[in-house]
Amino acid sequence: MHFEPDCHFAGEQMPPDTKNRDESEWSRFYRLPEFDSLEVLHAHFVSHRYARHVHDYLVVGLVERGTQSYWYRGARHVTPPGRIFLVSPGEPHTGEAASPEGYVYRTICLQEKHLARWTQDMGRGAGRTSFRAAVLHDRHLAALLTSFHRCIREQAPALESESFLLQAMARMLTCHSDDQAEPKPAGRERPAIARARDYIDSHYADDVSLSRLAEIASLSPFYFARAFRSETGLPPHLYLENVRIRRVRAFLDRGEPLGRAAAMAGYSDQSHLTRRFKRFLGITPGQYVRQAGIRPDGRSSGDRRGSPAE
């Protein structure tokens, strides 16, 4: 996944004019070209206070640690950890810490073009999407947003990032918008999903996007993701991950070095492969090679093919 980060972390070497006044504060900004220039902010603020301002996009903010407060629509709102705060376009608001240790939060800035496309993909009518609530208590939505932001932080594959983003937006639109219409139910789409699976099976090393798979299946991204899961039992990003892990095992079995096996399967580096491999199989790739007794020539230590007769 490609993005354009502008990042500053406490403890990193930074030019003096880019440091926040409080040395414990940090902020990281991303613009995501593959998501139509969607913008994301990750930050820890202690003394920083936002002046009252407005913007032309919807802010969806997840407070991870600490407590945030903000003035919005004529009232003071408090957002504790695990809650989500919203700021609608054109609404004056502020923002500051409400706990001594400050707060860590992660936001998505949604332009009207993003919301319009997603509502259309979900089969809902045209029109501006609005949200009446200020602070949401929705553990499922918080978990989806946490997974999306983790993907951004770890530079995860585009398919995984987009899958969590669309799931989070579907949850928001169906449960928290003023028009809480249910999306169209997923039907049987076996030929369409088969085309997408074939594409993943042959392009597993590429940074495949959900939008590309939906295009191949001739379905909208929202509907495709739900139809794929209905047909295969897995969301698209986990299907891709399973294919990659199987290919890595095949590469290791024939004696490929770990770094080369990682690159051949589409992982950015060996450490990325190690995290994913252990998540799926419970052991690291190094353990797999050592404990299976795989030699550089691809034979296991117990393989006696070609050994001299005793």
Protein backbone atom coordinates (compact mmCIF):
# COMPACT_ATOMS: atom_id res chain seq x y z
CA MET A 1 0.00 0.00 0.00
CA HIS A 2 1.39 3.41 -0.93
CA PHE A 3 0.82 6.56 1.10
CA GLU A 4 2.34 9.96 1.69
CA PRO A 5 3.20 10.31 5.38
CA ASP A 6 4.28 13.47 7.17
CA CYS A 7 5.27 12.10 10.53
CA HIS A 8 6.88 13.34 13.73
CA PHE A 9 7.30 11.17 16.83
CA ALA A 10 8.59 12.11 20.25
CA GLY A 11 12.16 10.86 20.56
CA GLU A 12 12.86 10.97 16.83
CA GLN A 13 15.38 13.39 15.37
CA MET A 14 13.38 16.32 13.99
CA PRO A 15 14.14 19.86 12.90
CA PRO A 16 13.44 22.23 15.84
CA ASP A 17 10.55 24.01 14.10
CA THR A 18 8.59 20.74 13.63
CA LYS A 19 8.59 19.66 17.28
CA ASN A 20 5.45 20.04 19.35
CA ARG A 21 5.88 22.20 22.44
CA ASP A 22 5.27 19.25 24.76
CA GLU A 23 8.10 16.74 24.11
CA SER A 24 5.75 13.80 24.76
CA GLU A 25 3.44 14.88 21.95
CA TRP A 26 3.63 13.45 18.45
CA SER A 27 1.55 13.51 15.30
CA ARG A 28 1.55 11.65 12.01
CA PHE A 29 -0.45 12.62 8.93
CA TYR A 30 -1.17 10.38 5.93
CA ARG A 31 -2.72 11.07 2.56
CA LEU A 32 -3.79 7.82 0.86
CA PRO A 33 -3.78 8.09 -2.97
CA GLU A 34 -5.24 4.60 -3.39
CA PHE A 35 -8.30 5.71 -1.39
CA ASP A 36 -8.95 8.83 -3.49
CA SER A 37 -6.66 10.96 -1.30
CA LEU A 38 -8.38 10.03 1.97
CA GLU A 39 -6.58 11.71 4.89
CA VAL A 40 -5.71 10.16 8.25
CA LEU A 41 -4.18 11.66 11.40
CA HIS A 42 -2.60 9.74 14.29
CA ALA A 43 -1.56 11.86 17.28
CA HIS A 44 -0.85 12.13 20.99
CA PHE A 45 -1.65 15.56 22.44
CA VAL A 46 -1.23 16.75 26.00
CA SER A 47 -1.04 20.54 25.99
CA HIS A 48 -2.11 21.14 22.40
CA ARG A 49 -5.55 22.77 22.11
CA TYR A 50 -7.36 23.21 18.81
CA ALA A 51 -8.73 26.71 18.32
CA ARG A 52 -12.37 26.88 17.31
CA HIS A 53 -12.50 26.11 13.59
CA VAL A 54 -14.49 24.45 10.82
CA HIS A 55 -13.61 22.21 7.88
CA ASP A 56 -15.31 20.82 4.81
CA TYR A 57 -15.09 17.10 5.64
CA LEU A 58 -16.50 14.66 8.19
CA VAL A 59 -14.08 13.71 10.97
CA VAL A 60 -14.36 10.23 12.50
CA GLY A 61 -12.05 10.12 15.52
CA LEU A 62 -11.22 7.11 17.69
CA VAL A 63 -9.74 7.83 21.14
CA GLU A 64 -7.28 5.07 21.95
CA ARG A 65 -5.88 6.22 25.29
CA GLY A 66 -6.61 9.07 27.66
CA THR A 67 -9.67 11.31 27.35
CA GLN A 68 -10.52 13.97 24.77
CA SER A 69 -13.05 16.77 25.02
CA TYR A 70 -14.40 19.22 22.49
CA TRP A 71 -16.95 21.98 22.11
CA TYR A 72 -19.37 21.09 19.33
CA ARG A 73 -22.92 22.13 18.44
CA GLY A 74 -23.28 24.31 21.50
CA ALA A 75 -22.14 21.80 24.10
CA ARG A 76 -19.01 20.28 25.64
CA HIS A 77 -18.55 16.58 24.80
CA VAL A 78 -16.12 14.12 26.42
CA THR A 79 -14.68 11.11 24.58
CA PRO A 80 -13.15 8.40 26.81
CA PRO A 81 -10.97 5.53 25.50
CA GLY A 82 -12.70 3.22 23.03
CA ARG A 83 -15.31 5.80 22.03
CA ILE A 84 -15.66 7.56 18.67
CA PHE A 85 -16.26 11.27 18.19
CA LEU A 86 -17.75 12.83 15.06
CA VAL A 87 -17.44 16.33 13.60
CA SER A 88 -19.68 17.14 10.65
CA PRO A 89 -18.60 19.48 7.82
CA GLY A 90 -19.13 23.17 8.48
CA GLU A 91 -19.64 22.75 12.24
CA PRO A 92 -17.48 24.98 14.52
CA HIS A 93 -15.61 22.92 17.11
CA THR A 94 -12.52 22.77 19.32
CA GLY A 95 -10.46 19.89 20.75
CA GLU A 96 -8.21 19.30 23.75
CA ALA A 97 -7.07 16.81 26.36
CA ALA A 98 -9.40 16.09 29.29
CA SER A 99 -6.93 13.93 31.23
CA PRO A 100 -3.48 14.84 32.63
CA GLU A 101 -1.67 12.32 30.41
CA GLY A 102 -3.34 13.71 27.31
CA TYR A 103 -4.94 11.46 24.73
CA VAL A 104 -3.95 9.29 21.78
CA TYR A 105 -6.41 9.43 18.93
CA ARG A 106 -6.71 8.42 15.30
CA THR A 107 -8.96 10.19 12.81
CA ILE A 108 -10.25 9.68 9.29
CA CYS A 109 -11.21 12.76 7.27
CA LEU A 110 -14.05 11.88 4.89
CA GLN A 111 -14.84 14.18 1.98
CA GLU A 112 -18.38 14.25 0.60
CA LYS A 113 -17.10 12.41 -2.50
CA HIS A 114 -16.08 9.46 -0.31
CA LEU A 115 -19.42 9.27 1.48
CA ALA A 116 -21.38 9.70 -1.76
CA ARG A 117 -19.54 6.85 -3.45
CA TRP A 118 -19.94 4.50 -0.49
CA THR A 119 -23.63 5.25 0.00
CA GLN A 120 -24.18 4.64 -3.71
CA ASP A 121 -22.22 1.36 -3.55
CA MET A 122 -24.44 0.28 -0.67
CA GLY A 123 -27.51 0.81 -2.83
CA ARG A 124 -28.78 3.81 -0.91
CA GLY A 125 -30.25 6.91 -2.49
CA ALA A 126 -28.32 10.04 -3.38
CA GLY A 127 -28.16 12.94 -0.96
CA ARG A 128 -25.91 14.30 1.75
CA THR A 129 -25.21 11.89 4.59
CA SER A 130 -25.63 13.38 8.08
CA PHE A 131 -24.89 12.25 11.62
CA ARG A 132 -26.76 13.67 14.59
CA ALA A 133 -24.64 12.13 17.36
CA ALA A 134 -21.41 13.60 18.68
CA VAL A 135 -19.85 10.67 20.60
CA LEU A 136 -20.54 7.02 19.71
CA HIS A 137 -20.26 4.00 21.99
CA ASP A 138 -19.97 1.14 19.50
CA ARG A 139 -17.38 -1.54 20.29
CA HIS A 140 -17.70 -3.23 16.91
CA LEU A 141 -17.12 0.03 15.04
CA ALA A 142 -14.20 0.86 17.35
CA ALA A 143 -12.62 -2.54 16.61
CA LEU A 144 -12.97 -2.02 12.85
CA LEU A 145 -11.45 1.47 13.06
CA THR A 146 -8.61 0.15 15.22
CA SER A 147 -7.87 -2.52 12.60
CA PHE A 148 -7.91 0.04 9.79
CA HIS A 149 -5.53 2.39 11.61
CA ARG A 150 -3.24 -0.55 12.44
CA CYS A 151 -3.10 -1.32 8.72
CA ILE A 152 -2.09 2.27 7.98
CA ARG A 153 0.54 2.29 10.72
CA GLU A 154 2.03 -1.04 9.61
CA GLN A 155 1.75 -0.35 5.86
CA ALA A 156 -0.43 -3.42 5.43
CA PRO A 157 -1.58 -4.58 1.97
CA ALA A 158 -4.17 -2.35 0.29
CA LEU A 159 -6.72 -5.19 0.29
CA GLU A 160 -6.61 -5.48 4.08
CA SER A 161 -6.75 -1.72 4.65
CA GLU A 162 -9.63 -1.18 2.26
CA SER A 163 -11.57 -4.13 3.66
CA PHE A 164 -11.51 -2.75 7.21
CA LEU A 165 -12.27 0.78 6.00
CA LEU A 166 -15.34 -0.35 4.05
CA GLN A 167 -16.56 -2.50 6.94
CA ALA A 168 -16.21 0.47 9.30
CA MET A 169 -18.03 2.80 6.93
CA ALA A 170 -20.83 0.28 6.38
CA ARG A 171 -21.25 0.03 10.15
CA MET A 172 -21.34 3.81 10.51
CA LEU A 173 -23.80 4.36 7.68
CA THR A 174 -26.19 1.59 8.69
CA CYS A 175 -26.09 2.14 12.47
CA HIS A 176 -25.30 5.80 13.10
CA SER A 177 -26.32 7.98 10.15
CA ASP A 178 -29.67 9.77 10.19
CA ASP A 179 -30.80 7.43 7.41
CA GLN A 180 -30.01 3.98 8.79
CA ALA A 181 -31.01 1.91 5.74
CA GLU A 182 -29.77 -1.67 5.61
CA PRO A 183 -27.48 -2.59 2.68
CA LYS A 184 -28.63 -4.91 -0.06
CA PRO A 185 -28.32 -8.57 1.09
CA ALA A 186 -25.51 -10.55 -0.54
CA GLY A 187 -26.80 -13.14 -3.00
CA ARG A 188 -25.16 -16.09 -4.74
CA GLU A 189 -22.38 -14.72 -6.92
CA ARG A 190 -20.38 -17.89 -7.58
CA PRO A 191 -19.06 -17.05 -11.12
CA ALA A 192 -18.12 -13.49 -10.10
CA ILE A 193 -16.36 -14.62 -6.93
CA ALA A 194 -14.61 -17.43 -8.85
CA ARG A 195 -13.09 -14.82 -11.18
CA ALA A 196 -11.84 -12.84 -8.20
CA ARG A 197 -10.40 -15.95 -6.54
CA ASP A 198 -8.59 -16.92 -9.73
CA TYR A 199 -7.11 -13.43 -9.89
CA ILE A 200 -5.89 -13.60 -6.28
CA ASP A 201 -4.45 -17.08 -6.82
CA SER A 202 -2.36 -15.84 -9.75
CA HIS A 203 -1.52 -12.32 -8.46
CA TYR A 204 -0.90 -13.07 -4.77
CA ALA A 205 2.47 -11.27 -4.80
CA ASP A 206 0.87 -8.00 -6.00
CA ASP A 207 -0.66 -5.31 -3.78
CA VAL A 208 -4.17 -6.25 -4.91
CA SER A 209 -6.90 -3.78 -3.97
CA LEU A 210 -10.50 -4.49 -3.09
CA SER A 211 -11.59 -2.07 -5.80
CA ARG A 212 -9.64 -4.03 -8.42
CA LEU A 213 -11.20 -7.33 -7.33
CA ALA A 214 -14.68 -5.78 -7.35
CA GLU A 215 -14.01 -4.51 -10.88
CA ILE A 216 -13.01 -8.02 -12.00
CA ALA A 217 -16.19 -9.40 -10.44
CA SER A 218 -18.31 -6.56 -11.95
CA LEU A 219 -19.69 -5.73 -8.49
CA SER A 220 -19.49 -2.68 -6.23
CA PRO A 221 -16.73 -2.91 -3.58
CA PHE A 222 -19.23 -2.99 -0.69
CA TYR A 223 -21.35 -5.72 -2.24
CA PHE A 224 -18.32 -7.67 -3.48
CA ALA A 225 -16.74 -7.85 -0.02
CA ARG A 226 -19.93 -9.24 1.49
CA ALA A 227 -20.58 -11.64 -1.40
CA PHE A 228 -16.98 -12.92 -1.26
CA ARG A 229 -17.28 -13.71 2.43
CA SER A 230 -20.64 -15.38 1.89
CA GLU A 231 -19.22 -17.56 -0.87
CA THR A 232 -15.81 -18.47 0.63
CA GLY A 233 -16.27 -18.07 4.38
CA LEU A 234 -13.39 -15.56 4.44
CA PRO A 235 -13.11 -11.83 3.76
CA PRO A 236 -10.95 -11.11 0.68
CA HIS A 237 -7.89 -9.95 2.64
CA LEU A 238 -7.77 -13.16 4.71
CA TYR A 239 -8.21 -15.27 1.59
CA LEU A 240 -5.19 -13.49 0.07
CA GLU A 241 -3.19 -13.99 3.27
CA ASN A 242 -3.94 -17.71 3.27
CA VAL A 243 -2.78 -18.00 -0.34
CA ARG A 244 0.44 -16.15 0.49
CA ILE A 245 1.20 -18.32 3.52
CA ARG A 246 0.68 -21.49 1.46
CA ARG A 247 3.03 -20.18 -1.21
CA VAL A 248 5.67 -19.26 1.40
CA ARG A 249 5.57 -22.80 2.78
CA ALA A 250 6.02 -24.16 -0.74
CA PHE A 251 8.99 -21.84 -1.34
CA LEU A 252 10.60 -22.80 1.97
CA ASP A 253 10.01 -26.49 1.31
CA ARG A 254 12.06 -26.26 -1.86
CA GLY A 255 14.93 -24.52 -0.03
CA GLU A 256 14.37 -20.83 -0.79
CA PRO A 257 15.96 -18.43 1.75
CA LEU A 258 13.50 -16.67 4.06
CA GLY A 259 14.04 -13.22 2.59
CA ARG A 260 13.55 -14.44 -0.96
CA ALA A 261 10.46 -16.45 0.01
CA ALA A 262 8.98 -13.33 1.64
CA ALA A 263 9.55 -11.20 -1.48
CA MET A 264 8.25 -13.89 -3.83
CA ALA A 265 5.00 -14.12 -1.85
CA GLY A 266 4.44 -10.36 -1.77
CA TYR A 267 5.63 -9.46 1.73
CA SER A 268 7.51 -6.19 2.15
CA ASP A 269 10.29 -7.76 4.20
CA GLN A 270 11.21 -10.79 6.29
CA SER A 271 9.88 -9.30 9.55
CA HIS A 272 6.50 -8.71 7.91
CA LEU A 273 6.42 -12.34 6.81
CA THR A 274 7.42 -13.54 10.28
CA ARG A 275 4.53 -11.68 11.96
CA ARG A 276 1.95 -12.98 9.49
CA PHE A 277 3.32 -16.54 9.38
CA LYS A 278 3.17 -16.86 13.17
CA ARG A 279 -0.31 -15.33 13.28
CA PHE A 280 -1.60 -18.05 10.98
CA LEU A 281 0.54 -21.09 11.89
CA GLY A 282 1.67 -20.44 15.46
CA ILE A 283 5.38 -20.69 14.62
CA THR A 284 7.87 -18.45 12.84
CA PRO A 285 9.19 -19.26 9.34
CA GLY A 286 12.61 -19.89 10.92
CA GLN A 287 11.11 -22.41 13.30
CA TYR A 288 9.31 -24.08 10.40
CA VAL A 289 12.55 -24.49 8.44
CA ARG A 290 14.60 -25.68 11.42
CA GLN A 291 12.05 -28.01 12.96
CA ALA A 292 11.04 -29.50 9.62
CA GLY A 293 14.76 -30.10 8.98
CA ILE A 294 14.64 -28.40 5.57
CA ARG A 295 18.04 -28.10 3.91
CA PRO A 296 19.04 -25.48 1.32
CA ASP A 297 18.56 -28.07 -1.42
CA GLY A 298 14.90 -28.41 -0.40
CA ARG A 299 15.24 -31.82 1.24
CA SER A 300 14.40 -32.45 4.87
CA SER A 301 17.06 -33.86 7.19
CA GLY A 302 15.13 -37.11 7.21
CA ASP A 303 14.98 -37.35 3.42
CA ARG A 304 17.37 -40.14 2.37
CA ARG A 305 16.86 -39.71 -1.35
CA GLY A 306 20.22 -39.96 -3.09
CA SER A 307 22.12 -40.94 0.09
CA PRO A 308 24.67 -43.74 -0.21
CA ALA A 309 23.43 -47.24 0.49
CA GLU A 310 24.40 -48.53 3.90
